[in-house]
Amino acid sequence: MKLDWTALGQVAAVSLAVTVAVVAVFALGVLGLARHEGAREEAGGTSALGLTQAGLCFVACAAVVAYGIYLIVPQFH
């Protein structure tokens, strides 16, 4: 049985790219939370933009993780 190294390399590259993208989106969510907290501490108000950014980023990360679990667990197909 011959192992196709090209396919293995493609899977590794896609996995690395998706991991980096998810970490970047999660970091943007943390940045949004920091903006929200900073605005709350400075002016006594809230930053709706920071909270919205954090919410959208965390929902996107959760969706990617849920899709990955869907692909891995055969009972969901």
N, C-alpha and C. Protein backbone atom coordinates (compact mmCIF):
# COMPACT_ATOMS: atom_id res chain seq x y z
N MET A 1 0.83 -1.17 0.00
CA MET A 1 0.00 0.00 0.00
C MET A 1 0.89 1.25 0.00
N LYS A 2 0.68 2.08 -0.99
CA LYS A 2 1.50 3.28 -1.15
C LYS A 2 0.82 4.47 -0.46
N LEU A 3 1.59 5.19 0.35
CA LEU A 3 1.08 6.37 1.03
C LEU A 3 1.25 7.58 0.13
N ASP A 4 0.18 8.32 -0.03
CA ASP A 4 0.22 9.52 -0.87
C ASP A 4 0.65 10.71 -0.02
N TRP A 5 1.93 11.08 -0.11
CA TRP A 5 2.48 12.15 0.70
C TRP A 5 1.89 13.51 0.35
N THR A 6 1.47 13.68 -0.90
CA THR A 6 0.87 14.95 -1.30
C THR A 6 -0.43 15.19 -0.54
N ALA A 7 -1.25 14.18 -0.44
CA ALA A 7 -2.52 14.32 0.28
C ALA A 7 -2.27 14.61 1.77
N LEU A 8 -1.28 13.93 2.33
CA LEU A 8 -0.95 14.16 3.73
C LEU A 8 -0.46 15.59 3.94
N GLY A 9 0.35 16.09 3.04
CA GLY A 9 0.83 17.46 3.12
C GLY A 9 -0.29 18.48 2.98
N GLN A 10 -1.25 18.19 2.09
CA GLN A 10 -2.38 19.09 1.91
C GLN A 10 -3.25 19.14 3.17
N VAL A 11 -3.48 18.00 3.77
CA VAL A 11 -4.27 17.95 5.01
C VAL A 11 -3.55 18.71 6.12
N ALA A 12 -2.25 18.54 6.23
CA ALA A 12 -1.49 19.25 7.25
C ALA A 12 -1.52 20.76 7.01
N ALA A 13 -1.40 21.19 5.76
CA ALA A 13 -1.42 22.62 5.45
C ALA A 13 -2.78 23.24 5.75
N VAL A 14 -3.84 22.56 5.37
CA VAL A 14 -5.19 23.08 5.64
C VAL A 14 -5.45 23.11 7.14
N SER A 15 -5.02 22.09 7.85
CA SER A 15 -5.21 22.06 9.30
C SER A 15 -4.47 23.22 9.97
N LEU A 16 -3.26 23.46 9.55
CA LEU A 16 -2.49 24.56 10.12
C LEU A 16 -3.13 25.91 9.80
N ALA A 17 -3.58 26.09 8.57
CA ALA A 17 -4.20 27.36 8.17
C ALA A 17 -5.49 27.62 8.94
N VAL A 18 -6.31 26.61 9.09
CA VAL A 18 -7.57 26.77 9.83
C VAL A 18 -7.30 27.05 11.30
N THR A 19 -6.31 26.38 11.87
CA THR A 19 -5.96 26.61 13.27
C THR A 19 -5.50 28.05 13.48
N VAL A 20 -4.65 28.53 12.61
CA VAL A 20 -4.17 29.92 12.72
C VAL A 20 -5.33 30.90 12.56
N ALA A 21 -6.23 30.63 11.63
CA ALA A 21 -7.37 31.51 11.42
C ALA A 21 -8.29 31.55 12.64
N VAL A 22 -8.57 30.39 13.22
CA VAL A 22 -9.45 30.34 14.39
C VAL A 22 -8.80 31.05 15.57
N VAL A 23 -7.51 30.88 15.76
CA VAL A 23 -6.81 31.57 16.85
C VAL A 23 -6.84 33.08 16.62
N ALA A 24 -6.69 33.52 15.39
CA ALA A 24 -6.73 34.96 15.08
C ALA A 24 -8.12 35.53 15.35
N VAL A 25 -9.16 34.82 14.96
CA VAL A 25 -10.53 35.29 15.21
C VAL A 25 -10.82 35.31 16.71
N PHE A 26 -10.35 34.30 17.44
CA PHE A 26 -10.53 34.28 18.88
C PHE A 26 -9.80 35.46 19.53
N ALA A 27 -8.60 35.76 19.04
CA ALA A 27 -7.85 36.91 19.57
C ALA A 27 -8.58 38.22 19.30
N LEU A 28 -9.23 38.34 18.15
CA LEU A 28 -10.04 39.53 17.88
C LEU A 28 -11.22 39.63 18.84
N GLY A 29 -11.77 38.49 19.22
CA GLY A 29 -12.84 38.48 20.21
C GLY A 29 -12.36 38.96 21.57
N VAL A 30 -11.18 38.50 21.97
CA VAL A 30 -10.60 38.95 23.23
C VAL A 30 -10.30 40.45 23.17
N LEU A 31 -9.83 40.93 22.03
CA LEU A 31 -9.59 42.36 21.84
C LEU A 31 -10.89 43.15 21.98
N GLY A 32 -11.96 42.63 21.43
CA GLY A 32 -13.27 43.29 21.57
C GLY A 32 -13.70 43.37 23.02
N LEU A 33 -13.48 42.30 23.77
CA LEU A 33 -13.81 42.33 25.20
C LEU A 33 -12.95 43.35 25.94
N ALA A 34 -11.69 43.45 25.57
CA ALA A 34 -10.80 44.43 26.21
C ALA A 34 -11.26 45.85 25.90
N ARG A 35 -11.68 46.09 24.67
CA ARG A 35 -12.20 47.41 24.31
C ARG A 35 -13.45 47.74 25.11
N HIS A 36 -14.33 46.75 25.24
CA HIS A 36 -15.56 46.94 26.00
C HIS A 36 -15.24 47.28 27.46
N GLU A 37 -14.35 46.53 28.07
CA GLU A 37 -13.97 46.79 29.46
C GLU A 37 -13.27 48.12 29.61
N GLY A 38 -12.40 48.46 28.67
CA GLY A 38 -11.68 49.73 28.72
C GLY A 38 -12.63 50.92 28.64
N ALA A 39 -13.61 50.83 27.75
CA ALA A 39 -14.58 51.92 27.62
C ALA A 39 -15.45 52.02 28.86
N ARG A 40 -15.74 50.89 29.45
CA ARG A 40 -16.57 50.90 30.66
C ARG A 40 -15.82 51.53 31.83
N GLU A 41 -14.53 51.26 31.93
CA GLU A 41 -13.74 51.81 33.03
C GLU A 41 -13.44 53.29 32.84
N GLU A 42 -13.20 53.72 31.60
CA GLU A 42 -12.83 55.11 31.34
C GLU A 42 -14.01 56.06 31.48
N ALA A 43 -15.06 55.81 30.78
CA ALA A 43 -16.17 56.77 30.73
C ALA A 43 -17.35 56.36 31.59
N GLY A 44 -17.27 55.20 32.18
CA GLY A 44 -18.41 54.72 32.97
C GLY A 44 -19.52 54.16 32.10
N GLY A 45 -19.34 54.14 30.80
CA GLY A 45 -20.34 53.60 29.88
C GLY A 45 -19.88 52.26 29.33
N THR A 46 -20.46 51.88 28.22
CA THR A 46 -20.07 50.62 27.57
C THR A 46 -19.78 50.88 26.11
N SER A 47 -19.01 50.01 25.54
CA SER A 47 -18.70 50.08 24.12
C SER A 47 -19.47 48.96 23.41
N ALA A 48 -20.53 49.33 22.74
CA ALA A 48 -21.35 48.34 22.05
C ALA A 48 -20.56 47.69 20.90
N LEU A 49 -19.69 48.47 20.27
CA LEU A 49 -18.91 47.93 19.16
C LEU A 49 -17.97 46.82 19.63
N GLY A 50 -17.29 47.04 20.75
CA GLY A 50 -16.39 46.02 21.29
C GLY A 50 -17.13 44.76 21.70
N LEU A 51 -18.29 44.93 22.32
CA LEU A 51 -19.07 43.77 22.75
C LEU A 51 -19.62 43.01 21.54
N THR A 52 -20.04 43.74 20.51
CA THR A 52 -20.53 43.10 19.29
C THR A 52 -19.41 42.35 18.58
N GLN A 53 -18.23 42.97 18.52
CA GLN A 53 -17.07 42.32 17.91
C GLN A 53 -16.75 41.02 18.63
N ALA A 54 -16.72 41.07 19.96
CA ALA A 54 -16.41 39.88 20.74
C ALA A 54 -17.46 38.79 20.52
N GLY A 55 -18.71 39.17 20.54
CA GLY A 55 -19.78 38.19 20.35
C GLY A 55 -19.70 37.51 19.00
N LEU A 56 -19.51 38.30 17.95
CA LEU A 56 -19.42 37.71 16.60
C LEU A 56 -18.22 36.80 16.45
N CYS A 57 -17.09 37.21 17.01
CA CYS A 57 -15.88 36.39 16.91
C CYS A 57 -16.04 35.07 17.67
N PHE A 58 -16.61 35.13 18.86
CA PHE A 58 -16.78 33.91 19.64
C PHE A 58 -17.82 32.98 19.02
N VAL A 59 -18.86 33.54 18.42
CA VAL A 59 -19.85 32.70 17.72
C VAL A 59 -19.21 32.03 16.51
N ALA A 60 -18.36 32.77 15.79
CA ALA A 60 -17.68 32.18 14.63
C ALA A 60 -16.76 31.03 15.07
N CYS A 61 -16.03 31.23 16.17
CA CYS A 61 -15.15 30.16 16.68
C CYS A 61 -15.96 28.95 17.11
N ALA A 62 -17.07 29.18 17.78
CA ALA A 62 -17.92 28.06 18.22
C ALA A 62 -18.48 27.31 17.02
N ALA A 63 -18.83 28.03 15.96
CA ALA A 63 -19.36 27.38 14.76
C ALA A 63 -18.30 26.50 14.09
N VAL A 64 -17.07 26.98 14.03
CA VAL A 64 -15.99 26.19 13.44
C VAL A 64 -15.73 24.93 14.26
N VAL A 65 -15.72 25.07 15.58
CA VAL A 65 -15.51 23.90 16.44
C VAL A 65 -16.66 22.91 16.30
N ALA A 66 -17.90 23.41 16.27
CA ALA A 66 -19.05 22.52 16.11
C ALA A 66 -19.01 21.79 14.77
N TYR A 67 -18.60 22.49 13.72
CA TYR A 67 -18.48 21.84 12.41
C TYR A 67 -17.40 20.77 12.42
N GLY A 68 -16.30 21.04 13.09
CA GLY A 68 -15.24 20.04 13.20
C GLY A 68 -15.71 18.80 13.94
N ILE A 69 -16.46 18.99 15.01
CA ILE A 69 -17.01 17.85 15.75
C ILE A 69 -17.99 17.09 14.88
N TYR A 70 -18.80 17.81 14.11
CA TYR A 70 -19.74 17.18 13.19
C TYR A 70 -19.00 16.29 12.18
N LEU A 71 -17.86 16.78 11.68
CA LEU A 71 -17.11 16.01 10.69
C LEU A 71 -16.45 14.78 11.31
N ILE A 72 -16.05 14.88 12.57
CA ILE A 72 -15.32 13.79 13.22
C ILE A 72 -16.23 12.68 13.70
N VAL A 73 -17.37 13.02 14.28
CA VAL A 73 -18.25 12.03 14.89
C VAL A 73 -19.20 11.46 13.83
N PRO A 74 -19.09 10.17 13.52
CA PRO A 74 -19.90 9.61 12.43
C PRO A 74 -21.39 9.49 12.77
N GLN A 75 -21.75 9.55 14.03
CA GLN A 75 -23.16 9.43 14.40
C GLN A 75 -23.97 10.63 13.94
N PHE A 76 -23.34 11.75 13.67
CA PHE A 76 -24.04 12.95 13.26
C PHE A 76 -24.36 12.97 11.77
N HIS A 77 -23.83 12.03 11.02
CA HIS A 77 -24.05 12.04 9.55
C HIS A 77 -25.28 11.30 9.21
